[in-house]
Protein backbone atom coordinates (compact mmCIF):
# COMPACT_ATOMS: atom_id res chain seq x y z
CA MET A 1 -1.76 -0.97 -7.97
CA GLY A 2 1.75 -0.52 -9.22
CA ILE A 3 3.21 1.64 -6.31
CA GLY A 4 4.26 -0.86 -4.18
CA THR A 5 2.33 -3.17 -2.02
CA ASP A 6 0.04 -0.69 -0.35
CA GLY A 7 0.64 2.49 -2.92
CA ASN A 8 0.80 5.65 -2.12
CA TYR A 9 -1.61 5.23 0.99
CA ALA A 10 0.80 2.63 2.78
CA GLY A 11 1.15 5.35 5.86
CA LEU A 12 -2.47 5.91 6.31
CA PHE A 13 -3.59 2.58 7.98
CA ASN A 14 -2.91 3.76 11.31
CA VAL A 15 -3.77 7.59 11.01
CA PRO A 16 -7.33 8.23 12.52
CA ALA A 17 -10.08 8.83 10.00
CA ALA A 18 -10.85 12.22 11.89
CA ASP A 19 -7.19 13.47 11.39
CA LEU A 20 -7.09 16.19 8.95
CA ASN A 21 -3.88 14.68 7.37
CA PHE A 22 -6.01 11.64 6.49
CA ALA A 23 -8.49 13.60 4.70
CA SER A 24 -5.92 15.75 3.05
CA ARG A 25 -3.89 12.67 1.77
CA VAL A 26 -6.94 10.63 0.82
CA SER A 27 -8.07 13.64 -1.60
CA GLU A 28 -4.73 13.21 -3.34
CA LEU A 29 -5.02 9.86 -4.25
CA TYR A 30 -5.75 8.85 -7.73
CA ASP A 31 -9.17 7.09 -8.49
CA GLN A 32 -7.61 3.74 -8.94
CA GLU A 33 -5.59 4.09 -5.70
CA LEU A 34 -8.61 5.09 -3.66
CA SER A 35 -10.21 2.01 -5.04
CA ASP A 36 -7.47 -0.22 -3.84
CA PHE A 37 -7.32 1.68 -0.62
CA LEU A 38 -10.82 0.94 0.02
CA ARG A 39 -10.51 -2.84 -0.77
CA ASP A 40 -7.20 -2.97 1.38
CA LEU A 41 -9.19 -1.48 4.37
CA GLU A 42 -11.90 -3.75 4.07
CA GLU A 43 -9.53 -6.87 4.00
CA ARG A 44 -7.87 -5.37 7.25
CA GLU A 45 -11.25 -4.74 8.83
CA GLU A 46 -12.16 -8.64 8.28
CA SER A 47 -8.68 -9.66 10.01
CA GLU A 48 -7.92 -7.01 12.60
CA GLY A 49 -10.66 -4.58 12.90
CA GLY A 50 -10.52 -0.79 13.68
CA HIS A 51 -10.75 0.40 10.29
CA LYS A 52 -14.45 1.44 10.23
CA GLY A 53 -13.89 5.20 10.28
CA ARG A 54 -11.33 5.00 7.67
CA ILE A 55 -13.35 2.94 5.37
CA ALA A 56 -16.47 5.31 5.93
CA ALA A 57 -14.18 8.37 5.11
CA VAL A 58 -12.73 6.93 1.86
CA ALA A 59 -15.93 5.73 0.94
CA LYS A 60 -17.24 9.33 1.07
CA GLU A 61 -14.51 10.37 -0.95
CA ILE A 62 -15.31 7.96 -3.79
CA ARG A 63 -19.07 8.76 -3.80
CA LYS A 64 -18.06 12.78 -4.11
CA ARG A 65 -15.79 11.96 -7.17
CA ARG A 66 -18.22 10.19 -8.98
CA GLY A 67 -20.50 13.05 -8.82
CA SER A 68 -17.96 15.65 -10.18
CA SER A 69 -16.18 16.33 -13.26
CA ALA A 70 -13.43 13.90 -14.34
CA GLU A 71 -11.91 16.60 -16.28
CA VAL A 72 -11.69 19.16 -13.64
CA ARG A 73 -10.39 16.44 -10.94
CA ALA A 74 -7.70 15.65 -13.60
CA VAL A 75 -6.50 19.41 -13.72
CA ALA A 76 -6.66 19.93 -10.18
CA LYS A 77 -4.60 16.84 -9.47
CA MET A 78 -2.07 17.80 -12.18
CA SER A 79 -1.56 21.14 -10.76
CA GLY A 80 -1.24 19.54 -7.32
CA ASP A 81 1.26 17.17 -8.34
CA ILE A 82 3.58 20.00 -10.03
CA ALA A 83 3.61 21.60 -6.89
CA ALA A 84 4.41 18.73 -4.68
CA ALA A 85 6.95 17.52 -7.11
CA ASP A 86 8.87 20.84 -7.31
CA GLU A 87 8.64 21.23 -3.55
CA LEU A 88 9.87 17.58 -2.67
CA TYR A 89 12.14 16.94 -5.50
CA GLY A 90 13.15 20.00 -7.12
CA ASP A 91 16.31 21.29 -4.80
CA GLY A 92 15.36 24.61 -5.35
CA MET A 93 16.02 24.52 -8.93
CA PRO A 94 13.52 25.83 -11.66
CA TYR A 95 11.83 23.20 -13.96
CA GLU A 96 13.93 22.90 -17.28
CA LEU A 97 13.34 19.82 -19.27
CA GLU A 98 16.45 19.65 -21.34
CA ARG A 99 18.63 20.17 -18.01
CA ILE A 100 16.46 17.53 -16.08
CA GLU A 101 16.75 15.05 -18.89
CA ASN A 102 20.89 15.34 -18.84
CA GLU A 103 20.80 14.97 -15.14
CA VAL A 104 18.76 11.67 -15.46
CA ARG A 105 21.31 10.30 -18.21
CA PHE A 106 24.05 10.98 -15.95
CA TYR A 107 22.20 9.15 -13.16
CA GLN A 108 21.37 6.33 -15.33
CA ASP A 109 25.06 5.35 -15.50
CA GLN A 110 25.37 5.45 -11.75
CA ALA A 111 24.20 2.84 -9.00
CA GLY A 112 22.45 2.58 -5.74
CA SER A 113 21.62 6.13 -4.46
CA ALA A 114 22.11 7.41 -7.83
CA LEU A 115 18.68 5.47 -8.33
CA LEU A 116 16.83 7.86 -6.02
CA GLU A 117 18.33 10.87 -7.99
CA MET A 118 17.17 9.56 -11.04
CA GLY A 119 13.71 8.78 -9.77
CA ARG A 120 13.28 12.35 -8.24
CA ARG A 121 13.99 13.97 -11.32
CA LEU A 122 11.59 11.78 -13.23
CA ILE A 123 8.98 12.64 -10.59
CA ARG A 124 9.21 16.27 -11.88
CA ILE A 125 9.02 15.51 -15.34
CA LYS A 126 6.15 13.47 -15.11
CA ALA A 127 4.20 16.16 -12.93
CA HIS A 128 4.96 18.70 -15.52
CA GLU A 129 4.55 17.02 -18.78
CA GLY A 130 1.73 14.49 -18.02
CA HIS A 131 1.62 11.05 -19.10
CA GLY A 132 1.81 11.34 -22.84
CA LYS A 133 4.87 13.70 -22.98
CA PHE A 134 6.33 11.66 -20.15
CA LEU A 135 6.67 8.63 -22.19
CA GLU A 136 7.96 10.92 -25.01
CA SER A 137 10.66 11.91 -22.58
CA LEU A 138 11.57 8.47 -21.74
CA GLU A 139 12.05 7.29 -25.51
CA ARG A 140 14.42 10.23 -25.64
CA LEU A 141 16.27 8.86 -22.62
CA ASP A 142 15.96 5.22 -23.88
CA MET A 143 14.44 4.02 -20.61
CA ALA A 144 11.61 1.52 -20.29
CA GLU A 145 8.66 2.80 -18.57
CA ARG A 146 8.88 0.00 -16.03
CA SER A 147 12.42 1.03 -14.99
CA ALA A 148 11.25 4.56 -14.77
CA GLN A 149 8.31 3.58 -12.57
CA TYR A 150 10.75 1.66 -10.33
CA ALA A 151 12.91 4.65 -10.02
CA MET A 152 10.14 7.07 -9.02
CA LEU A 153 9.14 4.41 -6.36
CA ALA A 154 12.60 4.19 -4.81
CA ALA A 155 12.43 8.10 -4.89
CA ARG A 156 9.22 8.06 -3.15
CA LYS A 157 10.14 5.23 -0.55
CA PHE A 158 13.72 5.63 0.18
CA SER A 159 14.87 9.45 -0.20
CA ASN A 160 14.73 9.73 3.66
CA THR A 161 16.33 6.59 4.31
CA PRO A 162 20.05 7.00 3.76
CA THR A 163 20.98 3.43 4.99
CA CYS A 164 18.71 1.84 2.52
CA ALA A 165 19.92 4.43 -0.23
CA ASP A 166 23.48 2.85 -0.26
CA LEU A 167 22.25 -0.51 -1.22
CA PRO A 168 23.05 -1.48 -5.04
CA ALA A 169 20.37 -0.10 -7.19
CA PRO A 170 18.83 -3.72 -7.93
CA LYS A 171 18.57 -4.18 -4.29
CA VAL A 172 16.73 -0.88 -3.70
CA LYS A 173 14.56 -2.13 -6.63
CA ALA A 174 13.87 -5.22 -4.92
CA LEU A 175 12.90 -3.80 -1.50
CA THR A 176 10.06 -1.29 -3.20
CA VAL A 177 7.78 -3.79 -2.21
CA LEU A 178 8.16 -3.01 1.55
CA ASP A 179 5.60 -0.38 2.93
CA GLU A 180 6.76 2.82 4.81
CA ASP A 181 6.37 1.14 8.19
CA GLU A 182 8.65 -1.58 7.38
CA ILE A 183 11.22 0.78 5.53
CA LYS A 184 11.42 2.61 8.92
CA THR A 185 11.84 -0.57 11.11
CA LEU A 186 14.59 -1.53 8.78
CA GLU A 187 16.41 2.02 8.79
CA ALA A 188 15.91 1.84 12.70
CA GLY A 189 18.07 -1.39 12.79
CA GLY A 190 15.06 -3.65 13.06
CA LYS A 191 13.96 -6.88 11.10
CA VAL A 192 11.51 -7.00 8.50
CA ARG A 193 10.15 -10.11 6.90
CA GLY A 194 12.79 -12.03 8.93
CA MET A 195 15.76 -10.05 7.74
CA SER A 196 17.95 -6.95 9.02
CA PHE A 197 19.74 -4.40 6.93
CA ASP A 198 23.04 -6.35 7.61
CA ASP A 199 21.30 -9.52 6.09
CA ILE A 200 20.05 -7.66 2.96
CA ASP A 201 23.46 -5.92 2.48
CA ARG A 202 25.08 -9.72 2.90
CA MET A 203 22.71 -11.52 0.56
CA GLY A 204 22.85 -12.02 -3.00
CA LEU A 205 20.28 -10.21 -5.14
CA ARG A 206 18.51 -13.86 -5.76
CA GLU A 207 18.70 -14.43 -2.48
CA LEU A 208 17.03 -11.30 -1.24
CA ARG A 209 14.11 -11.73 -4.02
CA THR A 210 13.47 -15.41 -2.87
CA ASN A 211 13.19 -14.24 0.76
CA LEU A 212 10.91 -11.50 0.08
CA ARG A 213 8.59 -13.96 -2.21
CA LYS A 214 8.74 -16.45 0.54
CA GLU A 215 7.65 -14.08 3.28
CA LYS A 216 5.04 -12.64 1.27
CA GLU A 217 3.66 -16.29 0.68
CA LYS A 218 4.06 -16.91 4.53
CA SER A 219 2.07 -13.82 5.25
CA ARG A 220 -0.63 -14.71 2.72
CA LYS A 221 -1.11 -18.46 4.32
CA GLU A 222 -1.05 -16.74 7.95
CA LYS A 223 -3.81 -14.41 6.70
CA ASP A 224 -5.76 -17.25 5.26
CA ALA A 225 -5.39 -19.32 8.35
CA ARG A 226 -6.48 -16.40 10.77
CA LYS A 227 -9.57 -15.89 8.28
CA LYS A 228 -10.47 -19.76 8.24
CA GLU A 229 -10.36 -19.41 11.94
CA ARG A 230 -12.55 -16.74 12.39
CA GLU A 231 -15.02 -18.20 10.03
CA ALA A 232 -14.67 -21.61 12.00
CA PHE A 233 -15.49 -19.73 15.39
CA GLU A 234 -18.34 -17.68 13.92
CA LYS A 235 -19.85 -20.85 12.59
CA SER A 236 -19.67 -22.42 15.93
CA MET A 237 -21.18 -19.63 18.01
CA THR A 238 -23.86 -19.42 15.30
CA GLN A 239 -24.70 -23.05 15.88
CA LYS A 240 -24.64 -22.64 19.43
CA ASP A 241 -26.93 -19.54 19.43
CA ALA A 242 -29.29 -21.81 17.00
CA LYS A 243 -29.15 -24.40 19.90
CA ILE A 244 -30.01 -22.03 22.75
CA ASN A 245 -32.95 -20.28 20.65
CA GLU A 246 -34.31 -24.08 20.02
CA LEU A 247 -34.02 -24.98 23.76
CA ASP A 248 -35.95 -21.38 24.51
CA MET A 249 -38.74 -22.40 22.33
CA TRP A 250 -39.67 -24.95 25.12
CA SER A 251 -41.43 -24.16 28.73
CA LEU A 252 -40.23 -25.96 31.68
CA PRO A 253 -43.38 -27.75 32.02
CA ASP A 254 -43.69 -28.79 28.22
CA TYR A 255 -40.07 -30.25 28.72
CA VAL A 256 -41.16 -32.00 31.82
CA ASN A 257 -44.14 -33.53 30.48
CA ILE A 258 -42.22 -34.75 27.57
CA VAL A 259 -39.27 -36.15 29.90
CA LYS A 260 -42.28 -38.11 32.01
CA ARG A 261 -44.40 -39.19 29.04
CA PRO A 262 -44.27 -43.20 28.84
CA TYR A 263 -42.65 -44.59 25.55
CA PRO A 264 -45.20 -46.69 23.47
CA ILE A 265 -44.67 -50.30 23.93
């Protein structure tokens, strides 16, 4: 999934499945995001447990969608996106494509927090125009789709984090790999992936990217190690259960007779 490491569902891993907010947020996810969410939940269930309710709720949503019209879902999703984009990123201004494109051009020449402002406007354009016309708008703006995706992702993740928004635009892009909880920790003065905000501010861009890659690889290795330990433990317990069952097949008299039976000469 292209929306960060955990997509638009990053904040839902700790929300109870019975919470109305969980069901509402799940219903807003795109089909691919929903599939990615289910996969990530199943992986977390294996390593840490506690996600069975969420897995059941997401699987139910997937089954429901498979039984409905894709066209109807697409229209409903687009309407919801427009309303959400205008409410969250519109600043009370009406939607006017030409004006917003001019504002994007202005922020293209800026850095740092301007990346977020550009992303906010691109979100509105995409919500109103749809994917095809959104790409046409990017052509008029002479902007690569990948750059636009970074800007929109940065806006979604960092609009409410003024400290991180003060970083240079390339660093903000690099930090889009962080999930919502990590961003909150960083904004609160804590450390994520071995780095504080001051560390990130002091680092060069190459060093930051290198650290992020190293920490990601470290996390992956730790996860694999935990999985192997769990598999080894389960195998050991299975072997013990098999041995116990084998011994249970013998009654005490049979066991005594076998022990007392003389060996053949």
